Protein backbone atom coordinates (compact mmCIF):
# COMPACT_ATOMS: atom_id res chain seq x y z
CA MET A 1 30.21 -21.70 5.16
CA GLU A 2 27.23 -23.54 3.54
CA PRO A 3 23.88 -21.77 3.79
CA ALA A 4 21.16 -23.40 5.97
CA TRP A 5 18.88 -23.90 3.02
CA ASN A 6 19.27 -25.79 -0.19
CA VAL A 7 16.24 -24.47 -2.10
CA THR A 8 17.51 -22.29 -5.04
CA GLU A 9 14.00 -21.34 -6.32
CA PHE A 10 10.41 -21.41 -5.43
CA ILE A 11 7.29 -22.28 -7.43
CA LEU A 12 4.38 -19.79 -7.13
CA LEU A 13 0.99 -21.42 -7.59
CA GLY A 14 -0.48 -18.03 -8.40
CA LEU A 15 -4.05 -16.95 -8.09
CA THR A 16 -5.53 -19.79 -10.21
CA GLN A 17 -4.67 -22.92 -11.94
CA ASN A 18 -7.52 -22.62 -14.54
CA GLN A 19 -5.85 -21.84 -17.87
CA GLU A 20 -8.80 -19.97 -19.43
CA LEU A 21 -9.22 -17.91 -16.26
CA GLN A 22 -5.68 -17.09 -16.24
CA GLN A 23 -5.95 -15.50 -19.77
CA VAL A 24 -8.86 -13.40 -18.50
CA CYS A 25 -6.86 -12.46 -15.44
CA PHE A 26 -3.78 -11.51 -17.58
CA VAL A 27 -5.87 -8.89 -19.48
CA LEU A 28 -7.78 -7.79 -16.34
CA PHE A 29 -4.68 -7.32 -14.10
CA LEU A 30 -2.78 -5.69 -16.95
CA LEU A 31 -5.57 -3.14 -17.16
CA PHE A 32 -5.44 -2.65 -13.33
CA TYR A 33 -1.72 -2.03 -13.41
CA VAL A 34 -1.94 0.53 -16.31
CA VAL A 35 -4.60 2.38 -14.33
CA ILE A 36 -2.43 2.26 -11.12
CA VAL A 37 0.67 3.82 -12.87
CA LEU A 38 -1.16 6.36 -15.05
CA GLY A 39 -3.59 7.33 -12.31
CA ASN A 40 -1.03 7.83 -9.71
CA LEU A 41 1.48 9.55 -12.10
CA LEU A 42 -1.32 11.99 -13.00
CA ILE A 43 -1.81 12.90 -9.27
CA ILE A 44 1.95 13.30 -8.81
CA VAL A 45 2.26 15.54 -11.98
CA THR A 46 -0.73 17.57 -11.23
CA ILE A 47 0.36 18.40 -7.53
CA LYS A 48 3.93 19.11 -8.63
CA HIS A 49 2.90 21.59 -11.38
CA SER A 50 -0.07 23.16 -9.77
CA GLU A 51 0.25 26.45 -7.77
CA ARG A 52 -2.90 25.83 -5.75
CA LEU A 53 -1.92 22.32 -4.53
CA LYS A 54 0.98 23.26 -2.27
CA SER A 55 -0.47 22.50 1.18
CA PRO A 56 0.82 19.63 3.35
CA MET A 57 -2.23 17.46 2.47
CA TYR A 58 -1.18 17.41 -1.14
CA PHE A 59 2.41 16.98 -0.37
CA PHE A 60 1.57 13.75 1.43
CA LEU A 61 -0.94 12.74 -1.28
CA SER A 62 1.82 13.01 -3.89
CA TYR A 63 3.99 10.80 -1.87
CA LEU A 64 1.14 8.33 -1.26
CA SER A 65 0.71 8.04 -5.04
CA PHE A 66 4.47 7.43 -5.42
CA VAL A 67 4.37 4.63 -2.77
CA ASP A 68 1.35 3.12 -4.43
CA ILE A 69 3.13 2.80 -7.76
CA CYS A 70 6.19 1.19 -6.18
CA TYR A 71 4.10 -1.01 -3.97
CA SER A 72 2.03 -2.42 -6.85
CA SER A 73 5.20 -2.65 -9.11
CA VAL A 74 6.70 -5.17 -6.55
CA THR A 75 4.07 -7.80 -7.28
CA ALA A 76 1.86 -6.87 -10.25
CA PRO A 77 4.36 -7.23 -13.22
CA LYS A 78 5.41 -10.71 -11.91
CA LEU A 79 1.74 -11.69 -11.39
CA ILE A 80 0.85 -10.54 -14.93
CA ALA A 81 3.71 -12.37 -16.57
CA ASP A 82 3.04 -15.57 -14.56
CA PHE A 83 -0.55 -15.63 -16.08
CA LEU A 84 1.29 -16.64 -19.39
CA ASP A 85 3.72 -19.00 -17.77
CA LYS A 86 2.92 -22.71 -17.12
CA ARG A 87 5.86 -22.93 -14.53
CA LYS A 88 5.69 -19.84 -12.32
CA THR A 89 9.13 -19.82 -10.60
CA ILE A 90 11.17 -17.19 -8.65
CA SER A 91 14.74 -17.57 -7.37
CA PHE A 92 15.42 -17.52 -3.62
CA GLY A 93 17.13 -14.13 -3.91
CA GLY A 94 14.29 -12.73 -5.92
CA CYS A 95 11.78 -14.20 -3.43
CA MET A 96 13.57 -12.42 -0.45
CA ALA A 97 13.80 -9.21 -2.42
CA GLN A 98 10.10 -9.28 -3.15
CA LEU A 99 9.36 -10.07 0.46
CA PHE A 100 11.47 -6.96 1.53
CA TRP A 101 10.14 -4.41 -0.96
CA SER A 102 6.55 -5.50 -0.45
CA HIS A 103 6.74 -4.96 3.30
CA PHE A 104 8.85 -1.89 2.91
CA PHE A 105 6.39 -0.04 0.70
CA GLY A 106 3.31 -1.53 2.46
CA CYS A 107 4.43 -0.40 6.01
CA THR A 108 5.44 3.06 4.55
CA GLU A 109 1.96 3.38 3.25
CA ILE A 110 0.50 2.58 6.73
CA PHE A 111 2.64 5.20 8.35
CA LEU A 112 1.96 7.71 5.59
CA LEU A 113 -1.88 7.20 5.94
CA THR A 114 -1.51 7.80 9.69
CA VAL A 115 0.44 11.03 9.05
CA MET A 116 -2.23 12.16 6.56
CA ALA A 117 -4.79 11.64 9.39
CA TYR A 118 -2.69 13.76 11.72
CA ASP A 119 -2.46 16.45 9.09
CA ARG A 120 -6.28 16.47 8.82
CA TYR A 121 -6.70 16.52 12.53
CA VAL A 122 -4.54 19.53 12.85
CA ALA A 123 -6.24 21.25 9.94
CA ILE A 124 -9.66 20.75 11.24
CA CYS A 125 -9.35 20.88 15.06
CA LYS A 126 -6.55 23.57 15.20
CA PRO A 127 -7.05 25.65 12.12
CA LEU A 128 -5.51 28.77 13.44
CA HIS A 129 -2.17 26.96 14.41
CA TYR A 130 -2.19 24.83 11.25
CA THR A 131 0.51 26.78 9.38
CA THR A 132 2.69 27.01 12.42
CA ILE A 133 2.39 23.19 13.23
CA MET A 134 2.51 21.70 9.82
CA THR A 135 5.60 23.58 8.56
CA GLY A 136 7.68 22.31 5.63
CA HIS A 137 10.28 21.09 8.16
CA VAL A 138 7.71 19.08 10.06
CA CYS A 139 6.25 17.62 6.87
CA GLY A 140 9.72 16.59 5.77
CA TRP A 141 10.66 14.89 9.04
CA LEU A 142 7.13 13.04 9.03
CA MET A 143 7.81 11.76 5.70
CA VAL A 144 11.38 10.51 6.68
CA ILE A 145 9.89 8.84 9.78
CA SER A 146 7.39 7.01 7.61
CA TRP A 147 10.14 5.74 5.20
CA VAL A 148 12.53 4.83 8.06
CA GLY A 149 9.78 3.03 9.87
CA GLY A 150 8.86 1.07 6.78
CA PHE A 151 12.50 0.12 6.24
CA VAL A 152 12.99 -1.12 9.94
CA HIS A 153 9.80 -3.10 9.74
CA SER A 154 10.83 -4.65 6.45
CA MET A 155 14.38 -5.47 7.68
CA VAL A 156 12.91 -7.33 10.70
CA GLN A 157 10.31 -9.37 8.50
CA THR A 158 13.11 -10.22 5.96
CA LEU A 159 15.78 -11.22 8.50
CA LEU A 160 13.25 -13.35 10.38
CA THR A 161 12.48 -15.23 7.21
CA ILE A 162 15.82 -15.48 5.29
CA GLN A 163 17.51 -17.29 8.12
CA LEU A 164 15.08 -20.10 8.08
CA PRO A 165 16.19 -23.41 6.49
CA PHE A 166 14.32 -24.35 3.27
CA CYS A 167 15.00 -27.83 2.22
CA GLY A 168 11.81 -28.55 0.26
CA PRO A 169 8.88 -28.61 -0.80
CA ASN A 170 9.27 -25.29 -2.55
CA GLU A 171 5.65 -24.59 -3.86
CA ILE A 172 4.28 -21.37 -2.46
CA ASP A 173 0.40 -21.27 -2.49
CA HIS A 174 0.49 -17.55 -3.34
CA TYR A 175 1.17 -15.23 -6.12
CA PHE A 176 4.23 -13.56 -4.43
CA CYS A 177 6.56 -14.25 -1.67
CA ASP A 178 5.16 -13.26 1.74
CA VAL A 179 6.10 -14.21 5.26
CA GLN A 180 3.31 -16.56 6.18
CA PRO A 181 3.26 -18.82 3.12
CA LEU A 182 7.14 -19.17 3.48
CA LEU A 183 6.82 -20.13 7.12
CA LYS A 184 4.90 -23.13 6.03
CA LEU A 185 7.76 -24.32 3.90
CA ALA A 186 10.56 -23.85 6.40
CA CYS A 187 12.19 -27.10 7.74
CA ALA A 188 12.08 -25.92 11.32
CA ASP A 189 9.79 -24.99 14.08
CA THR A 190 8.42 -21.49 13.07
CA TYR A 191 6.05 -20.91 16.00
CA LEU A 192 8.26 -18.18 17.67
CA ILE A 193 8.84 -16.50 14.40
CA GLY A 194 5.15 -16.56 13.65
CA VAL A 195 4.41 -14.85 16.87
CA MET A 196 7.11 -12.29 16.16
CA VAL A 197 5.48 -11.67 12.74
CA VAL A 198 2.07 -11.12 14.34
CA ALA A 199 3.70 -8.76 16.98
CA ASN A 200 5.48 -6.86 14.25
CA THR A 201 3.13 -6.51 11.21
CA GLY A 202 -0.18 -7.18 13.03
CA MET A 203 0.35 -4.80 15.87
CA ILE A 204 1.65 -2.02 13.50
CA SER A 205 -1.45 -2.35 11.44
CA LEU A 206 -3.74 -2.52 14.45
CA SER A 207 -2.22 0.23 16.41
CA CYS A 208 -2.06 2.71 13.44
CA PHE A 209 -5.70 1.77 12.52
CA PHE A 210 -6.71 2.46 16.15
CA VAL A 211 -4.95 5.91 16.06
CA LEU A 212 -6.68 6.69 12.67
CA ILE A 213 -10.16 5.77 14.13
CA VAL A 214 -9.58 7.84 17.23
CA SER A 215 -8.34 10.84 15.18
CA TYR A 216 -11.39 10.76 12.97
CA ILE A 217 -13.84 10.39 15.86
CA ILE A 218 -12.29 13.57 17.26
CA ILE A 219 -12.60 15.25 13.92
CA LEU A 220 -16.20 14.33 13.48
CA VAL A 221 -17.00 15.59 17.04
CA SER A 222 -15.34 18.85 16.33
CA LEU A 223 -17.24 19.38 13.14
CA ARG A 224 -20.59 19.72 15.04
CA THR A 225 -19.82 23.26 15.82
CA ARG A 226 -18.92 24.35 12.27
CA SER A 227 -21.05 25.95 9.58
CA SER A 228 -22.68 23.51 7.11
CA LYS A 229 -20.39 24.74 4.20
CA GLY A 230 -17.20 24.12 6.29
CA ARG A 231 -18.61 20.83 7.63
CA HIS A 232 -19.32 19.56 4.18
CA LYS A 233 -15.76 20.43 2.80
CA ALA A 234 -14.09 18.84 5.80
CA LEU A 235 -16.24 15.69 5.49
CA SER A 236 -15.54 15.36 1.81
CA THR A 237 -11.86 15.39 2.47
CA CYS A 238 -12.03 13.03 5.38
CA ALA A 239 -14.38 10.71 3.60
CA SER A 240 -11.74 10.07 0.95
CA HIS A 241 -9.20 9.18 3.58
CA ILE A 242 -11.56 7.08 5.53
CA THR A 243 -12.54 5.00 2.51
CA VAL A 244 -8.87 4.37 1.67
CA VAL A 245 -8.01 3.43 5.26
CA ILE A 246 -10.82 0.82 5.54
CA ILE A 247 -9.92 -0.81 2.13
CA PHE A 248 -6.24 -0.87 2.94
CA PHE A 249 -6.22 -1.76 6.69
CA GLY A 250 -9.10 -4.25 6.71
CA PRO A 251 -7.25 -6.86 4.61
CA CYS A 252 -3.89 -6.06 6.29
CA ILE A 253 -5.33 -6.74 9.80
CA PHE A 254 -7.08 -9.83 8.55
CA MET A 255 -3.88 -11.26 7.00
CA TYR A 256 -1.27 -10.40 9.81
CA LEU A 257 -3.19 -10.27 13.07
CA ARG A 258 -3.44 -13.93 13.51
CA PRO A 259 -1.20 -16.99 13.94
CA SER A 260 0.99 -18.18 11.03
CA THR A 261 -1.81 -20.05 9.31
CA THR A 262 -3.07 -19.61 5.72
CA PHE A 263 -6.51 -19.73 4.29
CA SER A 264 -7.79 -20.16 0.71
CA GLU A 265 -9.12 -16.63 0.78
CA ASP A 266 -5.70 -15.15 1.63
CA LYS A 267 -4.69 -14.57 -2.06
CA MET A 268 -7.85 -12.67 -2.99
CA VAL A 269 -7.69 -10.66 0.32
CA THR A 270 -4.09 -9.75 -0.54
CA VAL A 271 -5.01 -8.53 -3.97
CA PHE A 272 -7.10 -5.71 -2.28
CA TYR A 273 -4.13 -4.04 -0.51
CA THR A 274 -1.43 -4.76 -3.21
CA ILE A 275 -3.44 -3.95 -6.31
CA ILE A 276 -6.98 -2.73 -5.78
CA THR A 277 -6.17 -0.06 -3.22
CA PRO A 278 -3.34 1.47 -5.35
CA MET A 279 -5.70 1.51 -8.14
CA LEU A 280 -8.65 3.13 -6.32
CA ASN A 281 -6.53 5.80 -4.50
CA PRO A 282 -6.34 8.23 -7.46
CA LEU A 283 -10.06 7.79 -8.30
CA ILE A 284 -11.02 8.24 -4.56
CA TYR A 285 -8.96 11.25 -3.97
CA THR A 286 -9.64 12.84 -7.49
CA LEU A 287 -13.40 12.34 -7.56
CA ARG A 288 -13.96 13.69 -4.03
CA ASN A 289 -11.61 16.50 -4.21
CA GLU A 290 -12.65 19.47 -6.62
CA GLU A 291 -9.21 21.08 -6.59
CA VAL A 292 -7.40 17.85 -7.54
CA LYS A 293 -10.15 16.95 -10.04
CA ASN A 294 -10.12 20.29 -11.83
CA ASP A 295 -6.36 20.46 -12.02
CA SER A 296 -6.29 16.83 -13.12
CA MET A 297 -8.74 17.44 -15.88
CA LYS A 298 -6.62 20.45 -17.13
CA LYS A 299 -3.50 18.41 -17.12
CA LEU A 300 -5.17 15.57 -19.15
CA TRP A 301 -6.65 18.05 -21.52
CA SER A 302 -3.11 19.71 -22.11
CA TRP A 303 -1.70 16.18 -22.64
CA HIS A 304 -4.37 15.32 -25.14
CA ARG A 305 -3.64 18.66 -27.09
CA LEU A 306 -0.01 17.94 -27.22
CA SER A 307 -0.50 14.45 -28.42
CA THR A 308 -3.04 15.58 -31.22
CA GLU A 309 -0.72 18.44 -32.26
CA ASN A 310 2.30 16.06 -32.59
């Protein structure tokens, strides 16, 4: 049976068509990607080998760093390589794979950030019951639910897109394959699918964001009765999480909680949650968390000593 499409590859227009600007972007985004990988690896290694960082909060943080590395790796290497190519192409299969993995890791991160907010809620609002509620078994199941939720969401997005007929044109005005730019190229009425995309991705982002906001409002209200020292420590931890949530969820909601239309700003907005947020996460969590910062510095110092000795 012949496939419903005859497009074998897509042409990505990328972030910019300016040749000189592409060279600058190559260096800049290569630096971003190196920081993403090294920064998040440092957090993972630090948490794994530190005896002090064994609480559920750090368990989730290590997985957040892992997801950030995977998420940025879906789009960043291709984007960086394309800055040096005049003709930026991607096969149909590669395009669908990029769509699947970007939504898989992106949605997993959304659920993971929501789980981390629940962890902070229990730790601050129910401190006496924290160890009995957030057991290793519960943390494991919350992690599994986050991954499964991301997989189900991504499968829905991919199946909605892959069954569309693509018969030309094949130029995607983006730097990676995403649902909305692909809907514009389909040789069929995509209104219903566009509504389903909004209902799926947009509502997941909005509902999780709403849960996060409500949980932090409850946390902030409960902190009024705490001592100044306890309040400062709790606020410091929550501030890191709130910062990440705003940077990540803001662009996601802007991109997906609207009809299947594209704007010229979309590409730059997408950069925030595919590259900027994974890069800032290690800095935000490390700089605002004394335990992680101290252990990270020790880990960096030990690596430096090993490298100089060798």
